[in-house]
Amino acid sequence: MYRVAVGNHSTPTPIGEYKIVYKGENWGPSFGPRWLGLNVPWGYYGIHGTNRPYSIGQHKSHGCIRMWNHDVKELYNLIPLGTKVIIFGHVLGESDRDPKDLAEGDVGGEVQLIQSRLKSAGYFKGICNGKFRSDTTAALKRYQRDHQMSPTGIVTINVYKELGLLE
């Protein structure tokens, strides 16, 4: 088992199941001696070393998983490309906070979850890739109209509730 640092509240680590799709060395001092890239569809995330070892054990990264440099070197040598990585946590963030409002231009696990719920309800026809673009906005507005909500195209607390994501 390794200790890590994960994303802070404003730049959370993506929750879900991914694969190692890239392995690299010496990306720069901020990333330590090794980089293990994940196939997160909405951005560049990875497991890497750090020049901030005091951050390990805290929510201090910009979404990546930081490790002590000696640990990431060991891990790098142990796992091949294609290795499954499962990141656990609450996809809507900390349980004691309301999830953030989402709108066109946002990216992340929350967007992917909204897309998936809209798709299951028959509104979203695109790929659930975590990128809030015009197709997600159009689907959300149709959903909001059909559920007697103002068709703003913005995911608010009421949309989360209506989609069954909050009580």
N, C-alpha and C. Protein backbone atom coordinates (compact mmCIF):
# COMPACT_ATOMS: atom_id res chain seq x y z
N MET A 1 0.85 -1.16 0.00
CA MET A 1 0.00 0.00 0.00
C MET A 1 0.90 1.24 0.00
N TYR A 2 0.46 2.24 -0.77
CA TYR A 2 1.21 3.48 -0.87
C TYR A 2 0.37 4.64 -0.36
N ARG A 3 1.00 5.59 0.29
CA ARG A 3 0.32 6.84 0.66
C ARG A 3 0.37 7.77 -0.54
N VAL A 4 -0.69 8.55 -0.73
CA VAL A 4 -0.78 9.44 -1.88
C VAL A 4 -1.38 10.77 -1.48
N ALA A 5 -1.28 11.74 -2.37
CA ALA A 5 -2.03 12.99 -2.29
C ALA A 5 -3.01 12.96 -3.46
N VAL A 6 -4.21 13.46 -3.22
CA VAL A 6 -5.23 13.51 -4.27
C VAL A 6 -5.69 14.94 -4.47
N GLY A 7 -6.62 15.13 -5.39
CA GLY A 7 -7.08 16.46 -5.74
C GLY A 7 -7.77 17.20 -4.62
N ASN A 8 -7.66 18.52 -4.70
CA ASN A 8 -8.35 19.37 -3.73
C ASN A 8 -9.81 19.56 -4.16
N HIS A 9 -10.60 20.29 -3.38
CA HIS A 9 -12.03 20.42 -3.65
C HIS A 9 -12.30 21.06 -5.01
N SER A 10 -11.52 22.03 -5.41
CA SER A 10 -11.78 22.72 -6.68
C SER A 10 -11.24 21.95 -7.89
N THR A 11 -10.30 21.04 -7.68
CA THR A 11 -9.75 20.22 -8.78
C THR A 11 -9.65 18.77 -8.30
N PRO A 12 -10.81 18.10 -8.17
CA PRO A 12 -10.81 16.76 -7.59
C PRO A 12 -10.19 15.71 -8.50
N THR A 13 -9.74 14.65 -7.88
CA THR A 13 -9.25 13.48 -8.61
C THR A 13 -10.47 12.79 -9.23
N PRO A 14 -10.38 12.40 -10.51
CA PRO A 14 -11.55 11.75 -11.14
C PRO A 14 -11.82 10.38 -10.54
N ILE A 15 -13.06 10.16 -10.15
CA ILE A 15 -13.50 8.90 -9.57
C ILE A 15 -13.88 7.96 -10.71
N GLY A 16 -13.53 6.69 -10.61
CA GLY A 16 -13.94 5.73 -11.62
C GLY A 16 -12.87 4.70 -11.90
N GLU A 17 -13.08 3.96 -12.99
CA GLU A 17 -12.17 2.90 -13.41
C GLU A 17 -11.46 3.33 -14.68
N TYR A 18 -10.15 3.31 -14.64
CA TYR A 18 -9.32 3.76 -15.76
C TYR A 18 -8.23 2.73 -16.03
N LYS A 19 -7.39 3.02 -17.01
CA LYS A 19 -6.24 2.18 -17.32
C LYS A 19 -5.00 3.06 -17.47
N ILE A 20 -3.86 2.45 -17.19
CA ILE A 20 -2.58 3.11 -17.46
C ILE A 20 -2.37 3.03 -18.97
N VAL A 21 -2.28 4.19 -19.61
CA VAL A 21 -2.13 4.21 -21.07
C VAL A 21 -0.81 4.82 -21.51
N TYR A 22 -0.04 5.34 -20.57
CA TYR A 22 1.26 5.94 -20.90
C TYR A 22 2.18 5.83 -19.70
N LYS A 23 3.42 5.54 -19.96
CA LYS A 23 4.44 5.55 -18.91
C LYS A 23 5.59 6.43 -19.38
N GLY A 24 5.98 7.37 -18.55
CA GLY A 24 7.05 8.28 -18.92
C GLY A 24 7.98 8.58 -17.76
N GLU A 25 9.16 9.07 -18.10
CA GLU A 25 10.16 9.41 -17.10
C GLU A 25 10.52 10.88 -17.19
N ASN A 26 10.75 11.47 -16.02
CA ASN A 26 11.29 12.83 -15.89
C ASN A 26 10.49 13.88 -16.68
N TRP A 27 9.22 14.02 -16.32
CA TRP A 27 8.34 15.02 -16.94
C TRP A 27 8.62 16.42 -16.43
N GLY A 28 9.42 16.56 -15.44
CA GLY A 28 9.73 17.85 -14.85
C GLY A 28 9.64 17.75 -13.35
N PRO A 29 10.24 18.69 -12.64
CA PRO A 29 10.33 18.57 -11.18
C PRO A 29 8.99 18.45 -10.47
N SER A 30 7.96 19.09 -10.96
CA SER A 30 6.66 19.02 -10.28
C SER A 30 6.08 17.61 -10.32
N PHE A 31 6.47 16.82 -11.31
CA PHE A 31 5.89 15.49 -11.50
C PHE A 31 6.80 14.38 -11.03
N GLY A 32 7.92 14.71 -10.46
CA GLY A 32 8.82 13.69 -9.97
C GLY A 32 9.45 12.88 -11.09
N PRO A 33 10.04 11.75 -10.75
CA PRO A 33 10.81 10.99 -11.73
C PRO A 33 9.99 10.09 -12.67
N ARG A 34 8.71 9.85 -12.36
CA ARG A 34 7.91 8.94 -13.19
C ARG A 34 6.48 9.46 -13.34
N TRP A 35 5.88 9.11 -14.50
CA TRP A 35 4.50 9.48 -14.82
C TRP A 35 3.79 8.24 -15.35
N LEU A 36 2.64 7.94 -14.77
CA LEU A 36 1.77 6.86 -15.23
C LEU A 36 0.45 7.52 -15.65
N GLY A 37 0.26 7.67 -16.96
CA GLY A 37 -0.90 8.38 -17.48
C GLY A 37 -2.15 7.53 -17.50
N LEU A 38 -3.27 8.13 -17.11
CA LEU A 38 -4.56 7.45 -17.07
C LEU A 38 -5.43 7.87 -18.27
N ASN A 39 -6.33 7.02 -18.69
CA ASN A 39 -7.20 7.31 -19.83
C ASN A 39 -8.50 8.02 -19.40
N VAL A 40 -8.38 9.06 -18.64
CA VAL A 40 -9.54 9.88 -18.25
C VAL A 40 -9.96 10.67 -19.49
N PRO A 41 -11.23 10.54 -19.93
CA PRO A 41 -11.60 11.13 -21.22
C PRO A 41 -11.64 12.66 -21.27
N TRP A 42 -11.71 13.32 -20.14
CA TRP A 42 -11.87 14.78 -20.18
C TRP A 42 -10.61 15.55 -19.80
N GLY A 43 -9.48 14.89 -19.68
CA GLY A 43 -8.28 15.64 -19.35
C GLY A 43 -7.08 14.74 -19.13
N TYR A 44 -5.96 15.36 -18.80
CA TYR A 44 -4.71 14.63 -18.55
C TYR A 44 -4.53 14.45 -17.05
N TYR A 45 -4.65 13.21 -16.61
CA TYR A 45 -4.49 12.85 -15.21
C TYR A 45 -3.53 11.68 -15.14
N GLY A 46 -2.78 11.63 -14.06
CA GLY A 46 -1.86 10.52 -13.91
C GLY A 46 -1.45 10.30 -12.47
N ILE A 47 -0.65 9.30 -12.31
CA ILE A 47 -0.02 8.98 -11.04
C ILE A 47 1.45 9.36 -11.22
N HIS A 48 1.95 10.19 -10.32
CA HIS A 48 3.32 10.67 -10.51
C HIS A 48 3.98 11.01 -9.18
N GLY A 49 5.26 11.27 -9.24
CA GLY A 49 6.00 11.71 -8.07
C GLY A 49 5.73 13.18 -7.80
N THR A 50 6.51 13.77 -6.91
CA THR A 50 6.27 15.17 -6.56
C THR A 50 7.51 15.83 -6.00
N ASN A 51 7.56 17.14 -6.17
CA ASN A 51 8.58 17.93 -5.49
C ASN A 51 7.99 18.55 -4.22
N ARG A 52 6.81 18.11 -3.85
CA ARG A 52 6.14 18.57 -2.62
C ARG A 52 5.79 17.36 -1.74
N PRO A 53 6.79 16.69 -1.20
CA PRO A 53 6.52 15.47 -0.43
C PRO A 53 5.64 15.70 0.79
N TYR A 54 5.61 16.92 1.31
CA TYR A 54 4.76 17.23 2.46
C TYR A 54 3.27 17.14 2.12
N SER A 55 2.93 17.11 0.83
CA SER A 55 1.53 17.05 0.42
C SER A 55 0.94 15.64 0.50
N ILE A 56 1.80 14.63 0.59
CA ILE A 56 1.33 13.25 0.62
C ILE A 56 0.43 13.05 1.84
N GLY A 57 -0.70 12.41 1.59
CA GLY A 57 -1.69 12.19 2.65
C GLY A 57 -2.74 13.28 2.72
N GLN A 58 -2.70 14.23 1.78
CA GLN A 58 -3.63 15.35 1.83
C GLN A 58 -4.34 15.53 0.48
N HIS A 59 -5.33 16.40 0.48
CA HIS A 59 -6.03 16.81 -0.74
C HIS A 59 -5.33 18.06 -1.26
N LYS A 60 -4.24 17.88 -1.98
CA LYS A 60 -3.41 19.02 -2.38
C LYS A 60 -3.11 19.09 -3.87
N SER A 61 -3.44 18.06 -4.65
CA SER A 61 -3.06 18.07 -6.06
C SER A 61 -4.11 18.80 -6.90
N HIS A 62 -3.83 18.89 -8.18
CA HIS A 62 -4.78 19.47 -9.12
C HIS A 62 -5.61 18.38 -9.79
N GLY A 63 -5.69 17.21 -9.17
CA GLY A 63 -6.49 16.11 -9.68
C GLY A 63 -5.70 14.83 -9.88
N CYS A 64 -4.40 14.96 -10.09
CA CYS A 64 -3.56 13.78 -10.24
C CYS A 64 -3.35 13.11 -8.88
N ILE A 65 -2.75 11.95 -8.93
CA ILE A 65 -2.40 11.22 -7.72
C ILE A 65 -0.89 11.36 -7.54
N ARG A 66 -0.50 12.03 -6.47
CA ARG A 66 0.92 12.24 -6.16
C ARG A 66 1.41 11.14 -5.24
N MET A 67 2.63 10.73 -5.48
CA MET A 67 3.28 9.74 -4.62
C MET A 67 4.68 10.23 -4.25
N TRP A 68 5.22 9.65 -3.18
CA TRP A 68 6.62 9.91 -2.90
C TRP A 68 7.42 9.37 -4.08
N ASN A 69 8.50 10.04 -4.42
CA ASN A 69 9.28 9.68 -5.60
C ASN A 69 9.79 8.24 -5.56
N HIS A 70 10.26 7.78 -4.42
CA HIS A 70 10.75 6.40 -4.35
C HIS A 70 9.61 5.40 -4.56
N ASP A 71 8.39 5.75 -4.12
CA ASP A 71 7.24 4.86 -4.31
C ASP A 71 6.79 4.80 -5.77
N VAL A 72 6.76 5.95 -6.43
CA VAL A 72 6.31 5.95 -7.83
C VAL A 72 7.31 5.23 -8.72
N LYS A 73 8.60 5.28 -8.38
CA LYS A 73 9.59 4.52 -9.15
C LYS A 73 9.33 3.02 -9.01
N GLU A 74 9.06 2.60 -7.78
CA GLU A 74 8.77 1.18 -7.54
C GLU A 74 7.51 0.75 -8.30
N LEU A 75 6.45 1.53 -8.19
CA LEU A 75 5.19 1.21 -8.87
C LEU A 75 5.38 1.17 -10.39
N TYR A 76 6.10 2.13 -10.91
CA TYR A 76 6.38 2.22 -12.35
C TYR A 76 7.00 0.93 -12.87
N ASN A 77 7.91 0.36 -12.08
CA ASN A 77 8.59 -0.87 -12.49
C ASN A 77 7.71 -2.11 -12.33
N LEU A 78 6.67 -2.02 -11.50
CA LEU A 78 5.83 -3.18 -11.22
C LEU A 78 4.68 -3.36 -12.21
N ILE A 79 4.14 -2.27 -12.73
CA ILE A 79 2.91 -2.41 -13.50
C ILE A 79 3.10 -2.10 -14.99
N PRO A 80 2.45 -2.88 -15.84
CA PRO A 80 2.55 -2.65 -17.28
C PRO A 80 1.46 -1.70 -17.78
N LEU A 81 1.63 -1.24 -19.01
CA LEU A 81 0.56 -0.51 -19.68
C LEU A 81 -0.69 -1.38 -19.68
N GLY A 82 -1.84 -0.75 -19.58
CA GLY A 82 -3.11 -1.47 -19.57
C GLY A 82 -3.58 -1.87 -18.18
N THR A 83 -2.76 -1.63 -17.16
CA THR A 83 -3.15 -1.96 -15.79
C THR A 83 -4.39 -1.16 -15.40
N LYS A 84 -5.37 -1.85 -14.81
CA LYS A 84 -6.59 -1.21 -14.34
C LYS A 84 -6.31 -0.42 -13.06
N VAL A 85 -6.84 0.80 -13.00
CA VAL A 85 -6.73 1.66 -11.82
C VAL A 85 -8.15 2.05 -11.42
N ILE A 86 -8.55 1.72 -10.20
CA ILE A 86 -9.87 2.08 -9.70
C ILE A 86 -9.69 3.14 -8.63
N ILE A 87 -10.33 4.28 -8.84
CA ILE A 87 -10.26 5.39 -7.89
C ILE A 87 -11.61 5.51 -7.21
N PHE A 88 -11.63 5.31 -5.90
CA PHE A 88 -12.86 5.35 -5.13
C PHE A 88 -13.09 6.73 -4.54
N GLY A 89 -14.33 7.04 -4.28
CA GLY A 89 -14.73 8.28 -3.65
C GLY A 89 -16.14 8.61 -4.07
N HIS A 90 -16.67 9.67 -3.55
CA HIS A 90 -18.02 10.10 -3.92
C HIS A 90 -17.89 10.99 -5.14
N VAL A 91 -18.51 10.58 -6.24
CA VAL A 91 -18.35 11.29 -7.50
C VAL A 91 -18.82 12.73 -7.44
N LEU A 92 -19.74 13.04 -6.52
CA LEU A 92 -20.23 14.41 -6.40
C LEU A 92 -19.46 15.20 -5.36
N GLY A 93 -18.32 14.70 -4.93
CA GLY A 93 -17.48 15.43 -4.00
C GLY A 93 -17.73 15.01 -2.57
N GLU A 94 -17.41 15.90 -1.66
CA GLU A 94 -17.54 15.59 -0.24
C GLU A 94 -19.01 15.50 0.14
N SER A 95 -19.35 14.51 0.97
CA SER A 95 -20.74 14.24 1.31
C SER A 95 -21.39 15.35 2.12
N ASP A 96 -20.61 16.21 2.75
CA ASP A 96 -21.19 17.29 3.56
C ASP A 96 -21.34 18.60 2.79
N ARG A 97 -21.12 18.57 1.48
CA ARG A 97 -21.26 19.76 0.64
C ARG A 97 -22.20 19.47 -0.52
N ASP A 98 -22.96 20.47 -0.92
CA ASP A 98 -23.77 20.32 -2.12
C ASP A 98 -22.85 20.30 -3.33
N PRO A 99 -23.21 19.52 -4.35
CA PRO A 99 -22.38 19.51 -5.56
C PRO A 99 -22.44 20.86 -6.26
N LYS A 100 -21.43 21.14 -7.05
CA LYS A 100 -21.36 22.44 -7.72
C LYS A 100 -22.30 22.47 -8.92
N ASP A 101 -22.78 23.65 -9.24
CA ASP A 101 -23.56 23.84 -10.46
C ASP A 101 -22.66 23.57 -11.66
N LEU A 102 -23.25 23.01 -12.71
CA LEU A 102 -22.50 22.68 -13.92
C LEU A 102 -23.13 23.37 -15.11
N ALA A 103 -22.30 23.78 -16.05
CA ALA A 103 -22.80 24.43 -17.27
C ALA A 103 -21.85 24.12 -18.42
N GLU A 104 -22.28 24.50 -19.61
CA GLU A 104 -21.47 24.26 -20.80
C GLU A 104 -20.06 24.79 -20.59
N GLY A 105 -19.09 23.98 -20.96
CA GLY A 105 -17.67 24.32 -20.77
C GLY A 105 -17.05 23.56 -19.62
N ASP A 106 -17.87 23.07 -18.67
CA ASP A 106 -17.33 22.30 -17.56
C ASP A 106 -16.93 20.90 -18.03
N VAL A 107 -16.01 20.29 -17.31
CA VAL A 107 -15.58 18.92 -17.58
C VAL A 107 -15.42 18.19 -16.27
N GLY A 108 -15.51 16.86 -16.32
CA GLY A 108 -15.24 16.08 -15.14
C GLY A 108 -16.23 14.96 -14.90
N GLY A 109 -16.01 14.26 -13.80
CA GLY A 109 -16.83 13.12 -13.44
C GLY A 109 -18.28 13.49 -13.20
N GLU A 110 -18.52 14.69 -12.65
CA GLU A 110 -19.90 15.11 -12.41
C GLU A 110 -20.64 15.25 -13.73
N VAL A 111 -19.97 15.81 -14.73
CA VAL A 111 -20.58 15.97 -16.06
C VAL A 111 -20.86 14.61 -16.67
N GLN A 112 -19.91 13.69 -16.55
CA GLN A 112 -20.10 12.35 -17.09
C GLN A 112 -21.30 11.66 -16.43
N LEU A 113 -21.45 11.86 -15.14
CA LEU A 113 -22.58 11.28 -14.41
C LEU A 113 -23.90 11.87 -14.91
N ILE A 114 -23.97 13.18 -15.10
CA ILE A 114 -25.18 13.84 -15.60
C ILE A 114 -25.49 13.32 -17.01
N GLN A 115 -24.47 13.22 -17.86
CA GLN A 115 -24.67 12.71 -19.21
C GLN A 115 -25.25 11.29 -19.16
N SER A 116 -24.71 10.47 -18.28
CA SER A 116 -25.16 9.09 -18.16
C SER A 116 -26.63 9.03 -17.72
N ARG A 117 -27.00 9.85 -16.75
CA ARG A 117 -28.39 9.87 -16.28
C ARG A 117 -29.32 10.39 -17.38
N LEU A 118 -28.90 11.42 -18.10
CA LEU A 118 -29.71 11.95 -19.19
C LEU A 118 -29.85 10.92 -20.32
N LYS A 119 -28.78 10.17 -20.55
CA LYS A 119 -28.82 9.12 -21.58
C LYS A 119 -29.79 8.01 -21.17
N SER A 120 -29.71 7.59 -19.92
CA SER A 120 -30.61 6.54 -19.42
C SER A 120 -32.08 6.98 -19.50
N ALA A 121 -32.31 8.27 -19.35
CA ALA A 121 -33.67 8.82 -19.42
C ALA A 121 -34.12 9.09 -20.86
N GLY A 122 -33.22 8.85 -21.83
CA GLY A 122 -33.57 9.01 -23.23
C GLY A 122 -33.37 10.41 -23.80
N TYR A 123 -32.66 11.27 -23.09
CA TYR A 123 -32.47 12.65 -23.53
C TYR A 123 -31.14 12.90 -24.22
N PHE A 124 -30.10 12.24 -23.76
CA PHE A 124 -28.76 12.49 -24.29
C PHE A 124 -28.38 11.36 -25.23
N LYS A 125 -27.97 11.69 -26.44
CA LYS A 125 -27.64 10.69 -27.46
C LYS A 125 -26.13 10.58 -27.70
N GLY A 126 -25.35 11.46 -27.10
CA GLY A 126 -23.90 11.49 -27.36
C GLY A 126 -23.12 10.51 -26.52
N ILE A 127 -21.82 10.71 -26.50
CA ILE A 127 -20.90 9.88 -25.72
C ILE A 127 -20.75 10.51 -24.34
N CYS A 128 -20.87 9.69 -23.31
CA CYS A 128 -20.71 10.17 -21.93
C CYS A 128 -19.22 10.30 -21.64
N ASN A 129 -18.68 11.45 -22.06
CA ASN A 129 -17.23 11.65 -21.98
C ASN A 129 -16.81 12.69 -20.95
N GLY A 130 -17.76 13.20 -20.18
CA GLY A 130 -17.41 14.18 -19.14
C GLY A 130 -17.15 15.57 -19.66
N LYS A 131 -17.47 15.84 -20.93
CA LYS A 131 -17.28 17.17 -21.52
C LYS A 131 -18.64 17.81 -21.78
N PHE A 132 -18.95 18.85 -21.04
CA PHE A 132 -20.25 19.54 -21.14
C PHE A 132 -20.20 20.46 -22.35
N ARG A 133 -20.74 19.98 -23.45
CA ARG A 133 -20.76 20.74 -24.70
C ARG A 133 -22.21 21.02 -25.09
N SER A 134 -22.41 21.54 -26.28
CA SER A 134 -23.74 21.96 -26.72
C SER A 134 -24.74 20.80 -26.75
N ASP A 135 -24.27 19.57 -27.06
CA ASP A 135 -25.20 18.44 -27.08
C ASP A 135 -25.72 18.12 -25.68
N THR A 136 -24.88 18.28 -24.67
CA THR A 136 -25.32 18.07 -23.29
C THR A 136 -26.28 19.17 -22.88
N THR A 137 -25.97 20.42 -23.25
CA THR A 137 -26.86 21.54 -22.93
C THR A 137 -28.24 21.32 -23.53
N ALA A 138 -28.30 20.92 -24.81
CA ALA A 138 -29.59 20.71 -25.48
C ALA A 138 -30.38 19.60 -24.79
N ALA A 139 -29.71 18.50 -24.45
CA ALA A 139 -30.39 17.40 -23.77
C ALA A 139 -30.91 17.84 -22.40
N LEU A 140 -30.09 18.58 -21.68
CA LEU A 140 -30.48 19.05 -20.35
C LEU A 140 -31.68 19.99 -20.44
N LYS A 141 -31.69 20.90 -21.40
CA LYS A 141 -32.82 21.82 -21.55
C LYS A 141 -34.11 21.06 -21.86
N ARG A 142 -34.04 20.03 -22.73
CA ARG A 142 -35.23 19.22 -23.01
C ARG A 142 -35.71 18.53 -21.73
N TYR A 143 -34.76 17.98 -20.96
CA TYR A 143 -35.11 17.33 -19.70
C TYR A 143 -35.76 18.33 -18.74
N GLN A 144 -35.15 19.50 -18.61
CA GLN A 144 -35.70 20.51 -17.70
C GLN A 144 -37.12 20.91 -18.11
N ARG A 145 -37.36 21.13 -19.40
CA ARG A 145 -38.71 21.50 -19.87
C ARG A 145 -39.71 20.39 -19.54
N ASP A 146 -39.34 19.14 -19.83
CA ASP A 146 -40.25 18.01 -19.60
C ASP A 146 -40.52 17.76 -18.12
N HIS A 147 -39.68 18.30 -17.26
CA HIS A 147 -39.85 18.11 -15.81
C HIS A 147 -40.22 19.41 -15.10
N GLN A 148 -40.87 20.31 -15.84
CA GLN A 148 -41.39 21.58 -15.31
C GLN A 148 -40.33 22.39 -14.56
N MET A 149 -39.14 22.41 -15.14
CA MET A 149 -38.06 23.22 -14.60
C MET A 149 -37.73 24.28 -15.64
N SER A 150 -37.18 25.38 -15.19
CA SER A 150 -36.75 26.42 -16.12
C SER A 150 -35.62 25.87 -16.99
N PRO A 151 -35.75 25.91 -18.32
CA PRO A 151 -34.75 25.31 -19.21
C PRO A 151 -33.50 26.19 -19.36
N THR A 152 -32.70 26.22 -18.31
CA THR A 152 -31.51 27.06 -18.28
C THR A 152 -30.29 26.39 -18.90
N GLY A 153 -30.30 25.05 -18.94
CA GLY A 153 -29.12 24.34 -19.40
C GLY A 153 -28.03 24.28 -18.34
N ILE A 154 -28.39 24.63 -17.12
CA ILE A 154 -27.44 24.60 -15.99
C ILE A 154 -27.89 23.52 -15.01
N VAL A 155 -26.96 22.68 -14.60
CA VAL A 155 -27.25 21.64 -13.61
C VAL A 155 -27.17 22.28 -12.23
N THR A 156 -28.32 22.40 -11.59
CA THR A 156 -28.41 22.96 -10.24
C THR A 156 -28.75 21.84 -9.26
N ILE A 157 -28.86 22.18 -8.01
CA ILE A 157 -29.20 21.20 -6.97
C ILE A 157 -30.52 20.52 -7.30
N ASN A 158 -31.48 21.26 -7.89
CA ASN A 158 -32.78 20.67 -8.25
C ASN A 158 -32.64 19.64 -9.36
N VAL A 159 -31.74 19.85 -10.30
CA VAL A 159 -31.50 18.87 -11.36
C VAL A 159 -30.88 17.60 -10.77
N TYR A 160 -29.89 17.76 -9.89
CA TYR A 160 -29.30 16.60 -9.23
C TYR A 160 -30.38 15.78 -8.53
N LYS A 161 -31.28 16.47 -7.82
CA LYS A 161 -32.35 15.78 -7.10
C LYS A 161 -33.30 15.08 -8.06
N GLU A 162 -33.72 15.78 -9.10
CA GLU A 162 -34.66 15.22 -10.09
C GLU A 162 -34.07 13.98 -10.77
N LEU A 163 -32.77 13.99 -11.00
CA LEU A 163 -32.09 12.85 -11.63
C LEU A 163 -31.80 11.73 -10.63
N GLY A 164 -32.20 11.91 -9.37
CA GLY A 164 -32.00 10.88 -8.38
C GLY A 164 -30.61 10.77 -7.80
N LEU A 165 -29.84 11.84 -7.94
CA LEU A 165 -28.46 11.82 -7.45
C LEU A 165 -28.32 12.35 -6.03
N LEU A 166 -29.35 13.03 -5.56
CA LEU A 166 -29.38 13.53 -4.18
C LEU A 166 -30.78 13.33 -3.62
N GLU A 167 -30.86 13.21 -2.31
CA GLU A 167 -32.19 13.09 -1.69
C GLU A 167 -32.73 14.45 -1.33
